[in-house]
C-alpha cells in the first residue's frame, strides 16, 4: 500500500518515509513559498485546503526522518507564510528543525532554553510543551519528562496522547503499576481502541513475568492480560498484536505448573478453565497462521502488516510447533 501524506508519518517504516520524502519536489513545486493576495497568483498556485497544510506538515516530518533538511525548511516556509511566525504549531516545527540540526548536547540545551522561554510567556502552548518533553526524553532526562507530563495532564486531563506517553515513560523505568494506570486512562478516553487494549495486555504480561512477581500479583496481571488481548481481537478481528499476545499468554498458562488459588476463583481476577484457555490458544494459533501465510504471500487485502511483527508471529508459531513435536516424541 502506497503511504499517503494525509496520514501521520510517525509510524511509517523507513522505506515508506523515504518514499514520501521523495515526493517533496513535486509537492513543493505546486505551491509558492509565500502567500499572495494577487488573483493571478492564485490561478497558478495550489488550491488552499486543510489537506494541503496537513500534507506540508507530514512532508516536513518525513523529510526530517530521511535527512532532507532543505526540503523540510521549504515546507516550514510555506507554513510560516500561511499561519504566521507565532502560530503554536509553527513554533513547534521550528523547534523540531533545530533539534534535528543540533550537532551536540550544548545545542540541544539551547533549544531547550528556547522552549522554556516560550513557555514562560505562554505556559498553555501545548505543542511546545510536548516538544520540550520529547527533547527531555531524548536527552535522557526521563524523570524530568515524567514530571512535565504529569503537569501537562493536570492542565489537560483528557489528552490521550500525553497519557500514552506517560505510560511509555513509566514502562521504560520498570514502573509497571504506574504505566498500567496511565494506559487505563487512555482507554477511558478511547474505550474501543483495540491497539491500546493489546498494548495494555502487553504491559500486564510484562508485569506478570517480571522478576519478583508472584502469588496474587501474578494472578492479577496474567488474568488482566488475557482479558485485554481477548478484548482487542473482539474489537478488531485481524489485529496481529492482539492474537500474538493471546497466543503468548495462553501458552504460558497452559505450560504453567502453578494452579490458580481457590481464593481467586470467585474474584475479578479469576482465570477461565483449562478448556477455555485451550480454545483461545487454538484460535490465536489459527489466526496467526492465516495472517503469516497471506501476508508472506502478499495476497490482496493482507499487505498492511508490519514485516517485523509478521516475522515475530512466525517465530512464535515455529517455537510452538517445535514444542508440540517434542511432546509427541
C-alpha atoms as a PDB file:
ATOM      1  CA  UNK A   1       0.000   0.000   0.000  1.00  0.00           C
ATOM      2  CA  UNK A   2       1.434   3.387  -1.004  1.00  0.00           C
ATOM      3  CA  UNK A   3       1.818   5.713   2.013  1.00  0.00           C
ATOM      4  CA  UNK A   4      -0.199   8.926   1.984  1.00  0.00           C
ATOM      5  CA  UNK A   5       0.820  12.422   3.021  1.00  0.00           C
ATOM      6  CA  UNK A   6      -2.585  12.759   4.665  1.00  0.00           C
ATOM      7  CA  UNK A   7      -1.595  10.280   7.382  1.00  0.00           C
ATOM      8  CA  UNK A   8       0.924  10.975  10.176  1.00  0.00           C
ATOM      9  CA  UNK A   9       4.323   9.552   9.176  1.00  0.00           C
ATOM     10  CA  UNK A  10       5.492   8.712  12.692  1.00  0.00           C
ATOM     11  CA  UNK A  11       4.575   5.029  12.399  1.00  0.00           C
ATOM     12  CA  UNK A  12       5.843   4.536   8.861  1.00  0.00           C
ATOM     13  CA  UNK A  13       8.729   2.230   8.064  1.00  0.00           C
ATOM     14  CA  UNK A  14      11.990   3.892   6.939  1.00  0.00           C
ATOM     15  CA  UNK A  15      11.252   2.808   3.362  1.00  0.00           C
ATOM     16  CA  UNK A  16       7.799   4.404   3.390  1.00  0.00           C
ATOM     17  CA  UNK A  17       9.150   7.600   4.963  1.00  0.00           C
ATOM     18  CA  UNK A  18      11.784   7.761   2.230  1.00  0.00           C
ATOM     19  CA  UNK A  19       9.108   7.271  -0.422  1.00  0.00           C
ATOM     20  CA  UNK A  20       7.120  10.205   0.962  1.00  0.00           C
ATOM     21  CA  UNK A  21      10.146  12.489   1.271  1.00  0.00           C
ATOM     22  CA  UNK A  22      10.977  11.814  -2.366  1.00  0.00           C
ATOM     23  CA  UNK A  23       7.658  13.421  -3.258  1.00  0.00           C
ATOM     24  CA  UNK A  24       8.877  16.723  -1.808  1.00  0.00           C
ATOM     25  CA  UNK A  25       9.983  18.350  -5.115  1.00  0.00           C
ATOM     26  CA  UNK A  26       6.620  17.699  -6.801  1.00  0.00           C
ATOM     27  CA  UNK A  27       4.568  18.809  -3.781  1.00  0.00           C
ATOM     28  CA  UNK A  28       6.627  21.953  -3.190  1.00  0.00           C
ATOM     29  CA  UNK A  29       6.636  22.914  -6.860  1.00  0.00           C
ATOM     30  CA  UNK A  30       2.858  23.084  -6.824  1.00  0.00           C
ATOM     31  CA  UNK A  31       2.751  25.963  -4.342  1.00  0.00           C
ATOM     32  CA  UNK A  32       4.764  29.172  -3.922  1.00  0.00           C
ATOM     33  CA  UNK A  33       6.747  29.777  -0.752  1.00  0.00           C
ATOM     34  CA  UNK A  34       4.812  32.954   0.023  1.00  0.00           C
ATOM     35  CA  UNK A  35       1.090  33.596   0.193  1.00  0.00           C
ATOM     36  CA  UNK A  36      -0.015  36.263  -2.280  1.00  0.00           C
ATOM     37  CA  UNK A  37      -3.282  38.193  -2.431  1.00  0.00           C
ATOM     38  CA  UNK A  38      -2.982  38.569  -6.202  1.00  0.00           C
ATOM     39  CA  UNK A  39      -5.806  36.878  -8.158  1.00  0.00           C
ATOM     40  CA  UNK A  40      -3.324  35.964 -10.897  1.00  0.00           C
ATOM     41  CA  UNK A  41      -1.031  34.212  -8.410  1.00  0.00           C
ATOM     42  CA  UNK A  42      -3.981  32.191  -7.168  1.00  0.00           C
ATOM     43  CA  UNK A  43      -4.506  30.806 -10.676  1.00  0.00           C
ATOM     44  CA  UNK A  44      -1.071  29.202 -10.748  1.00  0.00           C
ATOM     45  CA  UNK A  45      -0.725  28.077  -7.135  1.00  0.00           C
ATOM     46  CA  UNK A  46      -2.110  25.028  -5.405  1.00  0.00           C
ATOM     47  CA  UNK A  47      -5.644  25.360  -4.134  1.00  0.00           C
ATOM     48  CA  UNK A  48      -5.660  26.108  -0.405  1.00  0.00           C
ATOM     49  CA  UNK A  49      -7.354  23.353   1.547  1.00  0.00           C
ATOM     50  CA  UNK A  50      -6.877  21.952   5.055  1.00  0.00           C
ATOM     51  CA  UNK A  51      -5.401  18.864   3.390  1.00  0.00           C
ATOM     52  CA  UNK A  52      -2.683  20.959   1.716  1.00  0.00           C
ATOM     53  CA  UNK A  53      -1.325  22.233   5.035  1.00  0.00           C
ATOM     54  CA  UNK A  54      -1.593  18.776   6.571  1.00  0.00           C
ATOM     55  CA  UNK A  55       0.487  17.495   3.653  1.00  0.00           C
ATOM     56  CA  UNK A  56       3.149  20.103   4.333  1.00  0.00           C
ATOM     57  CA  UNK A  57       3.312  19.122   7.998  1.00  0.00           C
ATOM     58  CA  UNK A  58       3.591  15.405   7.256  1.00  0.00           C
ATOM     59  CA  UNK A  59       6.057  16.011   4.429  1.00  0.00           C
ATOM     60  CA  UNK A  60       8.202  18.074   6.797  1.00  0.00           C
ATOM     61  CA  UNK A  61       8.273  15.205   9.302  1.00  0.00           C
ATOM     62  CA  UNK A  62       9.103  12.630   6.612  1.00  0.00           C
ATOM     63  CA  UNK A  63      11.917  14.796   5.256  1.00  0.00           C
ATOM     64  CA  UNK A  64      13.417  15.142   8.730  1.00  0.00           C
ATOM     65  CA  UNK A  65      13.330  11.365   9.187  1.00  0.00           C
ATOM     66  CA  UNK A  66      15.289  10.887   5.966  1.00  0.00           C
ATOM     67  CA  UNK A  67      17.728  13.741   6.496  1.00  0.00           C
ATOM     68  CA  UNK A  68      16.365  16.078   3.808  1.00  0.00           C
ATOM     69  CA  UNK A  69      16.552  19.208   5.933  1.00  0.00           C
ATOM     70  CA  UNK A  70      16.465  21.538   2.926  1.00  0.00           C
ATOM     71  CA  UNK A  71      13.046  20.278   1.847  1.00  0.00           C
ATOM     72  CA  UNK A  72      11.893  20.384   5.484  1.00  0.00           C
ATOM     73  CA  UNK A  73      12.831  24.085   5.634  1.00  0.00           C
ATOM     74  CA  UNK A  74      10.862  24.725   2.436  1.00  0.00           C
ATOM     75  CA  UNK A  75       7.811  23.066   3.973  1.00  0.00           C
ATOM     76  CA  UNK A  76       8.255  25.219   7.075  1.00  0.00           C
ATOM     77  CA  UNK A  77       8.483  28.378   4.927  1.00  0.00           C
ATOM     78  CA  UNK A  78       5.063  27.645   3.456  1.00  0.00           C
ATOM     79  CA  UNK A  79       3.561  27.002   6.881  1.00  0.00           C
ATOM     80  CA  UNK A  80       5.045  30.240   8.205  1.00  0.00           C
ATOM     81  CA  UNK A  81       3.752  32.191   5.195  1.00  0.00           C
ATOM     82  CA  UNK A  82       0.249  30.866   5.769  1.00  0.00           C
ATOM     83  CA  UNK A  83       0.000  30.612   9.557  1.00  0.00           C
ATOM     84  CA  UNK A  84       2.489  33.205  10.790  1.00  0.00           C
ATOM     85  CA  UNK A  85       5.665  33.054  12.863  1.00  0.00           C
ATOM     86  CA  UNK A  86       3.867  32.941  16.211  1.00  0.00           C
ATOM     87  CA  UNK A  87       1.478  30.103  15.464  1.00  0.00           C
ATOM     88  CA  UNK A  88       1.876  27.408  18.150  1.00  0.00           C
ATOM     89  CA  UNK A  89       2.323  24.550  15.686  1.00  0.00           C
ATOM     90  CA  UNK A  90       4.787  26.595  13.617  1.00  0.00           C
ATOM     91  CA  UNK A  91       6.847  27.306  16.735  1.00  0.00           C
ATOM     92  CA  UNK A  92       6.924  23.588  17.495  1.00  0.00           C
ATOM     93  CA  UNK A  93       8.065  22.737  13.954  1.00  0.00           C
ATOM     94  CA  UNK A  94      10.775  25.391  14.172  1.00  0.00           C
ATOM     95  CA  UNK A  95      11.994  23.799  17.371  1.00  0.00           C
ATOM     96  CA  UNK A  96      11.889  20.339  15.821  1.00  0.00           C
ATOM     97  CA  UNK A  97      14.075  21.526  12.938  1.00  0.00           C
ATOM     98  CA  UNK A  98      16.576  22.989  15.379  1.00  0.00           C
ATOM     99  CA  UNK A  99      16.631  19.704  17.290  1.00  0.00           C
ATOM    100  CA  UNK A 100      17.298  17.791  14.073  1.00  0.00           C
ATOM    101  CA  UNK A 101      20.147  20.138  13.109  1.00  0.00           C
ATOM    102  CA  UNK A 102      21.739  20.188  16.574  1.00  0.00           C
ATOM    103  CA  UNK A 103      25.219  18.670  16.449  1.00  0.00           C
ATOM    104  CA  UNK A 104      25.867  18.243  20.165  1.00  0.00           C
ATOM    105  CA  UNK A 105      24.257  18.335  23.581  1.00  0.00           C
ATOM    106  CA  UNK A 106      25.066  22.031  24.081  1.00  0.00           C
ATOM    107  CA  UNK A 107      22.991  22.958  21.036  1.00  0.00           C
ATOM    108  CA  UNK A 108      20.122  20.816  22.324  1.00  0.00           C
ATOM    109  CA  UNK A 109      20.356  22.647  25.650  1.00  0.00           C
ATOM    110  CA  UNK A 110      19.949  25.937  23.779  1.00  0.00           C
ATOM    111  CA  UNK A 111      16.814  24.616  22.086  1.00  0.00           C
ATOM    112  CA  UNK A 112      15.508  23.539  25.490  1.00  0.00           C
ATOM    113  CA  UNK A 113      16.097  27.047  26.847  1.00  0.00           C
ATOM    114  CA  UNK A 114      14.169  28.482  23.884  1.00  0.00           C
ATOM    115  CA  UNK A 115      11.254  26.211  24.759  1.00  0.00           C
ATOM    116  CA  UNK A 116      11.429  27.369  28.378  1.00  0.00           C
ATOM    117  CA  UNK A 117      11.413  30.996  27.219  1.00  0.00           C
ATOM    118  CA  UNK A 118       8.337  30.452  25.027  1.00  0.00           C
ATOM    119  CA  UNK A 119       6.526  28.699  27.881  1.00  0.00           C
ATOM    120  CA  UNK A 120       7.431  31.472  30.329  1.00  0.00           C
ATOM    121  CA  UNK A 121       5.471  33.815  28.060  1.00  0.00           C
ATOM    122  CA  UNK A 122       2.635  31.365  27.378  1.00  0.00           C
ATOM    123  CA  UNK A 123       2.505  28.274  29.566  1.00  0.00           C
ATOM    124  CA  UNK A 124      -0.582  26.977  27.705  1.00  0.00           C
ATOM    125  CA  UNK A 125       1.355  26.340  24.484  1.00  0.00           C
ATOM    126  CA  UNK A 126       0.680  22.587  24.218  1.00  0.00           C
ATOM    127  CA  UNK A 127       2.766  21.864  21.064  1.00  0.00           C
ATOM    128  CA  UNK A 128       5.857  23.457  22.635  1.00  0.00           C
ATOM    129  CA  UNK A 129       5.198  21.688  25.940  1.00  0.00           C
ATOM    130  CA  UNK A 130       5.135  18.338  24.126  1.00  0.00           C
ATOM    131  CA  UNK A 131       8.269  19.136  22.132  1.00  0.00           C
ATOM    132  CA  UNK A 132      10.041  20.035  25.363  1.00  0.00           C
ATOM    133  CA  UNK A 133       9.004  16.722  26.929  1.00  0.00           C
ATOM    134  CA  UNK A 134      10.165  14.810  23.861  1.00  0.00           C
ATOM    135  CA  UNK A 135      13.516  16.613  23.946  1.00  0.00           C
ATOM    136  CA  UNK A 136      13.977  15.838  27.630  1.00  0.00           C
ATOM    137  CA  UNK A 137      13.403  12.137  26.912  1.00  0.00           C
ATOM    138  CA  UNK A 138      15.855  12.132  24.011  1.00  0.00           C
ATOM    139  CA  UNK A 139      18.472  13.745  26.274  1.00  0.00           C
ATOM    140  CA  UNK A 140      17.999  11.007  28.863  1.00  0.00           C
ATOM    141  CA  UNK A 141      16.290  13.249  31.423  1.00  0.00           C
ATOM    142  CA  UNK A 142      13.433  10.793  31.931  1.00  0.00           C
ATOM    143  CA  UNK A 143      12.402  11.891  35.420  1.00  0.00           C
ATOM    144  CA  UNK A 144      12.017  15.494  34.263  1.00  0.00           C
ATOM    145  CA  UNK A 145       9.999  14.312  31.273  1.00  0.00           C
ATOM    146  CA  UNK A 146       7.676  12.334  33.566  1.00  0.00           C
ATOM    147  CA  UNK A 147       7.193  15.332  35.873  1.00  0.00           C
ATOM    148  CA  UNK A 148       6.427  17.578  32.899  1.00  0.00           C
ATOM    149  CA  UNK A 149       3.892  15.078  31.595  1.00  0.00           C
ATOM    150  CA  UNK A 150       2.149  14.955  34.968  1.00  0.00           C
ATOM    151  CA  UNK A 151       1.960  18.770  34.954  1.00  0.00           C
ATOM    152  CA  UNK A 152       0.579  18.738  31.421  1.00  0.00           C
ATOM    153  CA  UNK A 153      -2.096  16.220  32.403  1.00  0.00           C
ATOM    154  CA  UNK A 154      -3.067  18.328  35.417  1.00  0.00           C
ATOM    155  CA  UNK A 155      -3.793  21.091  32.920  1.00  0.00           C
ATOM    156  CA  UNK A 156      -5.238  18.856  30.184  1.00  0.00           C
ATOM    157  CA  UNK A 157      -6.512  15.594  31.727  1.00  0.00           C
ATOM    158  CA  UNK A 158      -8.253  14.456  28.523  1.00  0.00           C
ATOM    159  CA  UNK A 159      -5.072  14.362  26.432  1.00  0.00           C
ATOM    160  CA  UNK A 160      -4.878  10.694  25.413  1.00  0.00           C
ATOM    161  CA  UNK A 161      -1.523  11.204  23.667  1.00  0.00           C
ATOM    162  CA  UNK A 162       0.026  12.574  26.871  1.00  0.00           C
ATOM    163  CA  UNK A 163      -1.342   9.678  28.964  1.00  0.00           C
ATOM    164  CA  UNK A 164       0.083   7.212  26.441  1.00  0.00           C
ATOM    165  CA  UNK A 165       3.468   8.943  26.529  1.00  0.00           C
ATOM    166  CA  UNK A 166       3.462   8.900  30.328  1.00  0.00           C
ATOM    167  CA  UNK A 167       2.696   5.167  30.276  1.00  0.00           C
ATOM    168  CA  UNK A 168       5.682   4.607  27.986  1.00  0.00           C
ATOM    169  CA  UNK A 169       7.950   6.701  30.230  1.00  0.00           C
ATOM    170  CA  UNK A 170       6.933   4.689  33.292  1.00  0.00           C
ATOM    171  CA  UNK A 171       7.402   1.436  31.372  1.00  0.00           C
ATOM    172  CA  UNK A 172      10.996   2.323  30.457  1.00  0.00           C
ATOM    173  CA  UNK A 173      11.655   2.733  34.182  1.00  0.00           C
ATOM    174  CA  UNK A 174      10.100  -0.621  35.036  1.00  0.00           C
ATOM    175  CA  UNK A 175       7.229   1.030  36.933  1.00  0.00           C
ATOM    176  CA  UNK A 176       4.537  -1.373  35.771  1.00  0.00           C
ATOM    177  CA  UNK A 177       1.649  -0.337  38.072  1.00  0.00           C
ATOM    178  CA  UNK A 178       2.085   3.329  37.126  1.00  0.00           C
ATOM    179  CA  UNK A 179       2.392   2.501  33.413  1.00  0.00           C
ATOM    180  CA  UNK A 180      -0.753   0.369  33.530  1.00  0.00           C
ATOM    181  CA  UNK A 181      -2.684   3.093  35.351  1.00  0.00           C
ATOM    182  CA  UNK A 182      -1.677   5.704  32.743  1.00  0.00           C
ATOM    183  CA  UNK A 183      -2.695   3.473  29.837  1.00  0.00           C
ATOM    184  CA  UNK A 184      -6.013   2.682  31.503  1.00  0.00           C
ATOM    185  CA  UNK A 185      -6.674   6.431  31.404  1.00  0.00           C
ATOM    186  CA  UNK A 186      -6.222   6.267  27.612  1.00  0.00           C
ATOM    187  CA  UNK A 187      -8.937   3.603  27.476  1.00  0.00           C
ATOM    188  CA  UNK A 188     -11.272   5.811  29.493  1.00  0.00           C
ATOM    189  CA  UNK A 189     -10.953   8.331  26.649  1.00  0.00           C
ATOM    190  CA  UNK A 190     -10.932   5.771  23.816  1.00  0.00           C
ATOM    191  CA  UNK A 191     -12.647   2.593  25.106  1.00  0.00           C
ATOM    192  CA  UNK A 192     -12.792   0.895  21.698  1.00  0.00           C
ATOM    193  CA  UNK A 193      -9.123   1.388  20.759  1.00  0.00           C
ATOM    194  CA  UNK A 194      -8.119  -2.221  20.106  1.00  0.00           C
ATOM    195  CA  UNK A 195      -4.418  -1.337  19.836  1.00  0.00           C
ATOM    196  CA  UNK A 196      -4.481   0.207  23.316  1.00  0.00           C
ATOM    197  CA  UNK A 197      -6.217  -2.867  24.747  1.00  0.00           C
ATOM    198  CA  UNK A 198      -3.435  -5.009  23.254  1.00  0.00           C
ATOM    199  CA  UNK A 199      -0.721  -2.655  24.497  1.00  0.00           C
ATOM    200  CA  UNK A 200      -2.218  -2.765  27.982  1.00  0.00           C
ATOM    201  CA  UNK A 201      -2.241  -6.558  27.757  1.00  0.00           C
ATOM    202  CA  UNK A 202       1.459  -6.467  26.861  1.00  0.00           C
ATOM    203  CA  UNK A 203       2.247  -4.312  29.887  1.00  0.00           C
ATOM    204  CA  UNK A 204       0.288  -6.594  32.189  1.00  0.00           C
ATOM    205  CA  UNK A 205       2.026  -9.661  30.757  1.00  0.00           C
ATOM    206  CA  UNK A 206       5.410  -7.994  31.367  1.00  0.00           C
ATOM    207  CA  UNK A 207       4.345  -7.164  34.935  1.00  0.00           C
ATOM    208  CA  UNK A 208       3.224 -10.773  35.499  1.00  0.00           C
ATOM    209  CA  UNK A 209       6.519 -12.206  34.227  1.00  0.00           C
ATOM    210  CA  UNK A 210       8.810  -9.596  35.800  1.00  0.00           C
ATOM    211  CA  UNK A 211      11.289 -10.763  38.468  1.00  0.00           C
ATOM    212  CA  UNK A 212       9.613 -10.737  41.856  1.00  0.00           C
ATOM    213  CA  UNK A 213       6.073 -11.054  40.549  1.00  0.00           C
ATOM    214  CA  UNK A 214       4.319 -13.938  42.185  1.00  0.00           C
ATOM    215  CA  UNK A 215       1.278 -15.128  44.075  1.00  0.00           C
ATOM    216  CA  UNK A 216      -1.680 -12.779  43.888  1.00  0.00           C
ATOM    217  CA  UNK A 217       0.251 -10.235  41.850  1.00  0.00           C
ATOM    218  CA  UNK A 218       0.997 -12.778  39.124  1.00  0.00           C
ATOM    219  CA  UNK A 219      -2.621 -13.994  39.110  1.00  0.00           C
ATOM    220  CA  UNK A 220      -3.949 -10.461  38.814  1.00  0.00           C
ATOM    221  CA  UNK A 221      -1.698  -9.375  35.951  1.00  0.00           C
ATOM    222  CA  UNK A 222      -1.921 -12.582  33.913  1.00  0.00           C
ATOM    223  CA  UNK A 223      -5.739 -12.630  34.177  1.00  0.00           C
ATOM    224  CA  UNK A 224      -5.959  -8.980  33.136  1.00  0.00           C
ATOM    225  CA  UNK A 225      -3.566  -9.583  30.215  1.00  0.00           C
ATOM    226  CA  UNK A 226      -5.799 -12.406  28.978  1.00  0.00           C
ATOM    227  CA  UNK A 227      -8.861 -10.134  29.171  1.00  0.00           C
ATOM    228  CA  UNK A 228      -7.181  -7.266  27.333  1.00  0.00           C
ATOM    229  CA  UNK A 229      -5.898  -9.390  24.464  1.00  0.00           C
ATOM    230  CA  UNK A 230      -9.315 -11.021  24.139  1.00  0.00           C
ATOM    231  CA  UNK A 231     -10.997  -7.621  24.026  1.00  0.00           C
ATOM    232  CA  UNK A 232      -8.502  -6.426  21.434  1.00  0.00           C
ATOM    233  CA  UNK A 233      -9.328  -9.183  18.950  1.00  0.00           C
ATOM    234  CA  UNK A 234     -13.019  -8.811  19.715  1.00  0.00           C
ATOM    235  CA  UNK A 235     -12.791  -5.206  18.530  1.00  0.00           C
ATOM    236  CA  UNK A 236     -10.531  -5.958  15.543  1.00  0.00           C
ATOM    237  CA  UNK A 237     -10.727  -9.436  14.067  1.00  0.00           C
ATOM    238  CA  UNK A 238      -7.441  -9.152  12.126  1.00  0.00           C
ATOM    239  CA  UNK A 239      -5.212  -7.394  14.690  1.00  0.00           C
ATOM    240  CA  UNK A 240      -1.933  -9.299  14.714  1.00  0.00           C
ATOM    241  CA  UNK A 241      -0.597  -7.947  18.015  1.00  0.00           C
ATOM    242  CA  UNK A 242      -3.828  -8.941  19.760  1.00  0.00           C
ATOM    243  CA  UNK A 243      -3.586 -12.538  18.546  1.00  0.00           C
ATOM    244  CA  UNK A 244       0.163 -12.627  19.239  1.00  0.00           C
ATOM    245  CA  UNK A 245      -0.441 -11.581  22.835  1.00  0.00           C
ATOM    246  CA  UNK A 246      -3.307 -14.025  23.226  1.00  0.00           C
ATOM    247  CA  UNK A 247      -1.105 -16.850  21.947  1.00  0.00           C
ATOM    248  CA  UNK A 248       1.704 -15.828  24.294  1.00  0.00           C
ATOM    249  CA  UNK A 249      -0.394 -15.610  27.453  1.00  0.00           C
ATOM    250  CA  UNK A 250      -2.463 -18.757  26.835  1.00  0.00           C
ATOM    251  CA  UNK A 251       0.670 -20.774  26.058  1.00  0.00           C
ATOM    252  CA  UNK A 252       2.206 -19.613  29.324  1.00  0.00           C
ATOM    253  CA  UNK A 253      -0.944 -20.518  31.259  1.00  0.00           C
ATOM    254  CA  UNK A 254      -1.099 -23.972  29.693  1.00  0.00           C
ATOM    255  CA  UNK A 255       2.568 -24.605  30.487  1.00  0.00           C
ATOM    256  CA  UNK A 256       2.369 -23.109  33.974  1.00  0.00           C
ATOM    257  CA  UNK A 257       2.551 -25.726  36.688  1.00  0.00           C
ATOM    258  CA  UNK A 258       1.135 -23.349  39.313  1.00  0.00           C
ATOM    259  CA  UNK A 259      -2.625 -23.629  39.655  1.00  0.00           C
ATOM    260  CA  UNK A 260      -4.917 -20.673  40.386  1.00  0.00           C
ATOM    261  CA  UNK A 261      -5.583 -20.298  44.097  1.00  0.00           C
ATOM    262  CA  UNK A 262      -9.022 -21.174  45.421  1.00  0.00           C
ATOM    263  CA  UNK A 263      -9.282 -17.685  46.828  1.00  0.00           C
ATOM    264  CA  UNK A 264      -9.076 -16.186  43.350  1.00  0.00           C
ATOM    265  CA  UNK A 265     -11.727 -18.414  41.832  1.00  0.00           C
ATOM    266  CA  UNK A 266     -14.585 -16.096  42.713  1.00  0.00           C
ATOM    267  CA  UNK A 267     -12.916 -12.688  42.371  1.00  0.00           C
ATOM    268  CA  UNK A 268     -12.480 -10.413  39.371  1.00  0.00           C
ATOM    269  CA  UNK A 269      -9.042 -11.837  38.582  1.00  0.00           C
ATOM    270  CA  UNK A 270     -10.184 -15.431  38.230  1.00  0.00           C
ATOM    271  CA  UNK A 271      -8.826 -17.316  35.235  1.00  0.00           C
ATOM    272  CA  UNK A 272     -11.087 -19.337  32.922  1.00  0.00           C
ATOM    273  CA  UNK A 273     -10.980 -23.117  32.984  1.00  0.00           C
ATOM    274  CA  UNK A 274      -8.297 -25.032  31.094  1.00  0.00           C
ATOM    275  CA  UNK A 275     -10.666 -25.947  28.279  1.00  0.00           C
ATOM    276  CA  UNK A 276     -11.437 -22.305  27.560  1.00  0.00           C
ATOM    277  CA  UNK A 277      -7.737 -21.390  27.623  1.00  0.00           C
ATOM    278  CA  UNK A 278      -7.003 -24.221  25.169  1.00  0.00           C
ATOM    279  CA  UNK A 279      -9.690 -22.996  22.778  1.00  0.00           C
ATOM    280  CA  UNK A 280      -8.344 -19.447  22.942  1.00  0.00           C
ATOM    281  CA  UNK A 281      -4.869 -20.783  22.229  1.00  0.00           C
ATOM    282  CA  UNK A 282      -6.140 -22.717  19.220  1.00  0.00           C
ATOM    283  CA  UNK A 283      -7.965 -19.614  17.944  1.00  0.00           C
ATOM    284  CA  UNK A 284      -4.833 -17.484  18.255  1.00  0.00           C
ATOM    285  CA  UNK A 285      -2.718 -20.157  16.543  1.00  0.00           C
ATOM    286  CA  UNK A 286      -5.120 -20.487  13.622  1.00  0.00           C
ATOM    287  CA  UNK A 287      -5.451 -16.737  13.099  1.00  0.00           C
ATOM    288  CA  UNK A 288      -1.722 -16.049  13.380  1.00  0.00           C
ATOM    289  CA  UNK A 289      -1.042 -18.829  10.888  1.00  0.00           C
ATOM    290  CA  UNK A 290      -3.566 -17.298   8.495  1.00  0.00           C
ATOM    291  CA  UNK A 291      -2.062 -13.807   8.828  1.00  0.00           C
ATOM    292  CA  UNK A 292       1.511 -15.068   8.361  1.00  0.00           C
ATOM    293  CA  UNK A 293       0.553 -17.184   5.338  1.00  0.00           C
ATOM    294  CA  UNK A 294      -1.378 -14.493   3.486  1.00  0.00           C
ATOM    295  CA  UNK A 295       0.940 -11.637   4.437  1.00  0.00           C
ATOM    296  CA  UNK A 296       4.058 -13.549   3.384  1.00  0.00           C
ATOM    297  CA  UNK A 297       2.425 -14.358   0.048  1.00  0.00           C
ATOM    298  CA  UNK A 298       1.454 -10.672  -0.351  1.00  0.00           C
ATOM    299  CA  UNK A 299      -2.139 -11.677  -1.005  1.00  0.00           C
ATOM    300  CA  UNK A 300      -4.533  -8.867  -1.749  1.00  0.00           C
ATOM    301  CA  UNK A 301      -6.104  -7.483   1.410  1.00  0.00           C
ATOM    302  CA  UNK A 302      -3.264  -8.793   3.630  1.00  0.00           C
ATOM    303  CA  UNK A 303      -0.487  -6.310   2.811  1.00  0.00           C
ATOM    304  CA  UNK A 304      -0.808  -3.803   5.639  1.00  0.00           C
ATOM    305  CA  UNK A 305       1.038  -5.778   8.310  1.00  0.00           C
ATOM    306  CA  UNK A 306       4.400  -4.726   9.679  1.00  0.00           C
ATOM    307  CA  UNK A 307       7.114  -7.086   8.415  1.00  0.00           C
ATOM    308  CA  UNK A 308       8.813  -7.305  11.820  1.00  0.00           C
ATOM    309  CA  UNK A 309       5.540  -8.225  13.530  1.00  0.00           C
ATOM    310  CA  UNK A 310       4.826 -10.901  10.931  1.00  0.00           C
ATOM    311  CA  UNK A 311       8.334 -12.317  11.442  1.00  0.00           C
ATOM    312  CA  UNK A 312       7.803 -12.367  15.224  1.00  0.00           C
ATOM    313  CA  UNK A 313       4.484 -14.179  14.807  1.00  0.00           C
ATOM    314  CA  UNK A 314       6.127 -16.732  12.513  1.00  0.00           C
ATOM    315  CA  UNK A 315       8.861 -17.354  15.081  1.00  0.00           C
ATOM    316  CA  UNK A 316       6.315 -17.778  17.876  1.00  0.00           C
ATOM    317  CA  UNK A 317       4.389 -20.329  15.817  1.00  0.00           C
ATOM    318  CA  UNK A 318       7.608 -22.195  14.992  1.00  0.00           C
ATOM    319  CA  UNK A 319       8.535 -22.438  18.669  1.00  0.00           C
ATOM    320  CA  UNK A 320       5.079 -23.737  19.493  1.00  0.00           C
ATOM    321  CA  UNK A 321       5.255 -26.322  16.701  1.00  0.00           C
ATOM    322  CA  UNK A 322       8.678 -27.458  17.923  1.00  0.00           C
ATOM    323  CA  UNK A 323       7.380 -27.795  21.490  1.00  0.00           C
ATOM    324  CA  UNK A 324       4.383 -29.858  20.342  1.00  0.00           C
ATOM    325  CA  UNK A 325       6.650 -32.058  18.223  1.00  0.00           C
ATOM    326  CA  UNK A 326       8.904 -32.670  21.206  1.00  0.00           C
ATOM    327  CA  UNK A 327       5.963 -33.698  23.381  1.00  0.00           C
ATOM    328  CA  UNK A 328       4.657 -36.140  20.754  1.00  0.00           C
ATOM    329  CA  UNK A 329       8.037 -37.864  20.562  1.00  0.00           C
END
